[in-house]
Amino acid sequence: MKFAILGGGMVGACYMQAFLEQEHSLVGLCDLQPNAAVVEAVHAAGAQVHTAPGAWLAGADIVVSAVFGTVARSLFEDCVPHLRDDALYVDMTTADPEEMRECGKLAQRGAQGREIHFVDVAITGAVNLGGKKTPLLVAGGKAGFVRELFLPFGGLVRVVGEQPGDAASLKLLRSIYTKGTEALAVECLVTAQQM
């Protein structure tokens, strides 16, 4: 399959390499200021680095977004006019669940008669530690397909819903629980030590 990466940071670089290892073809990478190692890897894969979405995205079957959550929706909106019919957009950002739902609705409406598939993927660990094996939660109409696509990377990939935003919601709930539990444990230890 032909894929594109949006965001050349740690997550984008990690999954770009994982896709290349599975012999998928890189169409291009979009990043405003990619580091030299990412640029070299992109060029070694026979692709180009771009600073904005554009016609080059039409060559990708799959577009993986690994940017900051605050720009996830606006970036998707900028990409829509350039996506091919039946394109799969995989959002791995930390965007708000409602933003993911809105992107899913925009994808369902399609653009100029094209069908676009939007899948929300929540990363539930530290990519700097787990790399491509970091556990993922996946939600959206093509979540099962995305699960099969990511399984060869060696990590746990779990489908958690059919609607974009379901994975982001579950990650948020999980974070509240784990961080709340950790805070409670620290408070208990401090109190015990004082007593």
Protein backbone atom coordinates (compact mmCIF):
# COMPACT_ATOMS: atom_id res chain seq x y z
CA MET A 1 0.00 0.00 0.00
CA LYS A 2 1.04 3.58 -0.56
CA PHE A 3 1.07 5.78 2.52
CA ALA A 4 1.79 9.36 3.57
CA ILE A 5 2.83 10.68 6.97
CA LEU A 6 1.75 14.02 8.43
CA GLY A 7 4.19 15.03 11.16
CA GLY A 8 7.86 14.11 11.30
CA GLY A 9 8.21 14.00 15.07
CA MET A 10 8.83 10.90 17.14
CA VAL A 11 5.44 9.28 16.43
CA GLY A 12 5.46 10.07 12.71
CA ALA A 13 9.05 8.86 12.27
CA CYS A 14 8.37 5.68 14.26
CA TYR A 15 5.33 4.64 12.25
CA MET A 16 6.87 5.72 8.95
CA GLN A 17 9.71 3.28 9.63
CA ALA A 18 7.26 0.57 10.74
CA PHE A 19 5.27 0.88 7.49
CA LEU A 20 8.46 0.81 5.42
CA GLU A 21 9.61 -2.34 7.23
CA GLN A 22 6.34 -3.97 6.15
CA GLU A 23 7.20 -3.01 2.56
CA HIS A 24 4.55 -0.34 2.12
CA SER A 25 5.53 2.55 -0.20
CA LEU A 26 5.99 6.07 1.15
CA VAL A 27 4.38 8.77 -1.01
CA GLY A 28 5.66 11.67 1.10
CA LEU A 29 5.92 13.24 4.53
CA CYS A 30 4.50 16.60 5.57
CA ASP A 31 6.26 18.59 8.28
CA LEU A 32 7.17 22.24 8.64
CA GLN A 33 10.59 21.57 10.20
CA PRO A 34 11.60 17.90 9.99
CA ASN A 35 14.91 16.91 11.51
CA ALA A 36 17.78 15.79 9.31
CA ALA A 37 17.36 12.09 10.15
CA VAL A 38 13.70 12.14 9.08
CA VAL A 39 14.52 13.96 5.84
CA GLU A 40 17.24 11.39 5.10
CA ALA A 41 14.85 8.48 5.79
CA VAL A 42 12.18 9.99 3.53
CA HIS A 43 14.65 10.51 0.69
CA ALA A 44 16.06 6.99 1.18
CA ALA A 45 12.50 5.69 0.70
CA GLY A 46 12.30 7.55 -2.62
CA ALA A 47 9.82 10.16 -1.38
CA GLN A 48 9.78 13.90 -0.74
CA VAL A 49 9.25 16.12 2.29
CA HIS A 50 6.42 18.65 1.93
CA THR A 51 5.52 21.62 4.11
CA ALA A 52 1.77 21.49 3.44
CA PRO A 53 -0.96 19.12 2.28
CA GLY A 54 -1.35 19.19 -1.48
CA ALA A 55 -1.96 17.22 -4.65
CA TRP A 56 0.84 14.84 -3.64
CA LEU A 57 -1.56 13.25 -1.09
CA ALA A 58 -3.69 11.84 -3.93
CA GLY A 59 -1.05 9.15 -4.41
CA ALA A 60 -1.64 7.70 -0.92
CA ASP A 61 -4.06 4.92 -0.04
CA ILE A 62 -3.47 5.67 3.66
CA VAL A 63 -2.63 8.99 5.31
CA VAL A 64 -1.30 8.79 8.88
CA SER A 65 -1.58 11.96 10.94
CA ALA A 66 0.86 12.22 13.85
CA VAL A 67 0.73 15.93 14.66
CA PHE A 68 -0.29 17.87 17.77
CA GLY A 69 -3.93 17.34 18.72
CA THR A 70 -4.61 21.08 18.62
CA VAL A 71 -4.15 21.13 14.83
CA ALA A 72 -5.62 17.68 14.04
CA ARG A 73 -8.99 18.89 12.79
CA SER A 74 -7.74 21.84 10.75
CA LEU A 75 -5.08 19.63 9.15
CA PHE A 76 -7.68 17.01 8.23
CA GLU A 77 -9.87 19.73 6.70
CA ASP A 78 -6.86 20.94 4.67
CA CYS A 79 -6.17 17.38 3.47
CA VAL A 80 -9.72 16.45 2.42
CA PRO A 81 -9.66 18.20 -1.00
CA HIS A 82 -6.46 16.32 -1.90
CA LEU A 83 -7.40 12.80 -0.76
CA ARG A 84 -8.23 10.16 -3.35
CA ASP A 85 -11.53 8.33 -3.47
CA ASP A 86 -11.67 5.58 -0.82
CA ALA A 87 -8.66 7.01 1.02
CA LEU A 88 -8.10 6.00 4.63
CA TYR A 89 -7.11 8.77 7.04
CA VAL A 90 -5.62 7.43 10.29
CA ASP A 91 -5.50 10.07 13.02
CA MET A 92 -2.96 9.21 15.75
CA THR A 93 -3.09 12.60 17.45
CA THR A 94 -4.15 13.42 21.00
CA ALA A 95 -7.10 15.48 19.82
CA ASP A 96 -10.30 15.98 21.78
CA PRO A 97 -12.85 13.17 21.23
CA GLU A 98 -15.41 15.67 19.93
CA GLU A 99 -12.90 16.90 17.34
CA MET A 100 -12.46 13.28 16.20
CA ARG A 101 -16.24 12.89 15.91
CA GLU A 102 -16.44 16.05 13.79
CA CYS A 103 -13.66 14.77 11.52
CA GLY A 104 -15.55 11.48 11.19
CA LYS A 105 -18.69 13.36 10.13
CA LEU A 106 -16.73 15.40 7.60
CA ALA A 107 -15.25 12.19 6.16
CA GLN A 108 -18.72 10.61 5.93
CA ARG A 109 -19.99 13.59 3.94
CA GLY A 110 -17.06 13.05 1.61
CA ALA A 111 -15.74 15.68 -0.70
CA GLN A 112 -16.96 16.17 -4.27
CA GLY A 113 -18.43 12.68 -4.50
CA ARG A 114 -15.45 10.85 -3.01
CA GLU A 115 -15.60 8.46 -0.07
CA ILE A 116 -13.06 9.07 2.67
CA HIS A 117 -12.61 6.83 5.72
CA PHE A 118 -11.53 8.38 9.04
CA VAL A 119 -10.15 6.23 11.86
CA ASP A 120 -9.25 7.49 15.33
CA VAL A 121 -6.17 5.76 16.84
CA ALA A 122 -5.25 6.48 20.47
CA ILE A 123 -1.71 5.67 21.57
CA THR A 124 -1.87 4.31 25.13
CA GLY A 125 1.79 4.29 26.07
CA ALA A 126 5.07 6.06 25.53
CA VAL A 127 6.26 5.69 21.92
CA ASN A 128 9.77 6.67 23.01
CA LEU A 129 9.78 3.47 25.13
CA GLY A 130 7.56 1.05 23.18
CA GLY A 131 8.20 2.25 19.64
CA LYS A 132 5.99 0.60 17.04
CA LYS A 133 4.90 -1.95 19.68
CA THR A 134 3.16 0.70 21.82
CA PRO A 135 -0.46 -0.39 22.54
CA LEU A 136 -3.14 1.26 20.40
CA LEU A 137 -6.91 1.76 20.65
CA VAL A 138 -8.71 2.03 17.30
CA ALA A 139 -12.18 3.36 16.43
CA GLY A 140 -14.04 4.05 13.20
CA GLY A 141 -15.74 2.28 10.35
CA LYS A 142 -12.43 0.86 9.05
CA ALA A 143 -11.05 0.13 12.54
CA GLY A 144 -10.78 -3.59 11.83
CA PHE A 145 -8.74 -2.91 8.70
CA VAL A 146 -6.45 -0.54 10.62
CA ARG A 147 -6.02 -3.16 13.35
CA GLU A 148 -4.85 -5.70 10.75
CA LEU A 149 -2.56 -3.07 9.21
CA PHE A 150 -0.87 -2.29 12.55
CA LEU A 151 -0.74 -5.82 14.04
CA PRO A 152 2.45 -6.81 12.16
CA PHE A 153 4.28 -4.06 14.09
CA GLY A 154 4.11 -6.35 17.15
CA GLY A 155 2.01 -4.33 19.58
CA LEU A 156 -1.45 -4.78 21.05
CA VAL A 157 -4.06 -3.16 18.76
CA ARG A 158 -7.61 -3.15 20.09
CA VAL A 159 -10.77 -2.03 18.26
CA VAL A 160 -12.91 -0.13 20.77
CA GLY A 161 -15.71 1.36 18.67
CA GLU A 162 -17.18 2.06 15.28
CA GLN A 163 -17.27 5.84 15.66
CA PRO A 164 -14.24 8.13 15.47
CA GLY A 165 -13.77 9.66 18.91
CA ASP A 166 -14.43 6.38 20.76
CA ALA A 167 -10.70 5.61 21.02
CA ALA A 168 -9.84 9.15 22.12
CA SER A 169 -12.64 9.03 24.74
CA LEU A 170 -11.44 5.73 26.17
CA LYS A 171 -7.85 6.99 26.30
CA LEU A 172 -9.03 10.09 28.17
CA LEU A 173 -11.00 8.00 30.66
CA ARG A 174 -8.03 5.66 31.09
CA SER A 175 -5.71 8.62 31.73
CA ILE A 176 -8.05 10.10 34.34
CA TYR A 177 -8.20 6.76 36.13
CA THR A 178 -4.48 5.95 36.04
CA LYS A 179 -3.28 9.45 36.89
CA GLY A 180 -5.90 9.78 39.63
CA THR A 181 -4.85 6.44 41.10
CA GLU A 182 -1.19 7.45 40.99
CA ALA A 183 -1.94 10.78 42.69
CA LEU A 184 -3.95 9.01 45.41
CA ALA A 185 -1.10 6.54 46.00
CA VAL A 186 1.44 9.37 46.35
CA GLU A 187 -0.84 11.23 48.77
CA CYS A 188 -1.28 8.06 50.86
CA LEU A 189 2.49 7.48 50.99
CA VAL A 190 3.17 11.10 52.00
CA THR A 191 0.51 10.92 54.72
CA ALA A 192 1.82 7.57 55.96
CA GLN A 193 5.35 8.94 56.10
CA GLN A 194 4.21 12.00 58.05
CA MET A 195 2.31 9.81 60.52
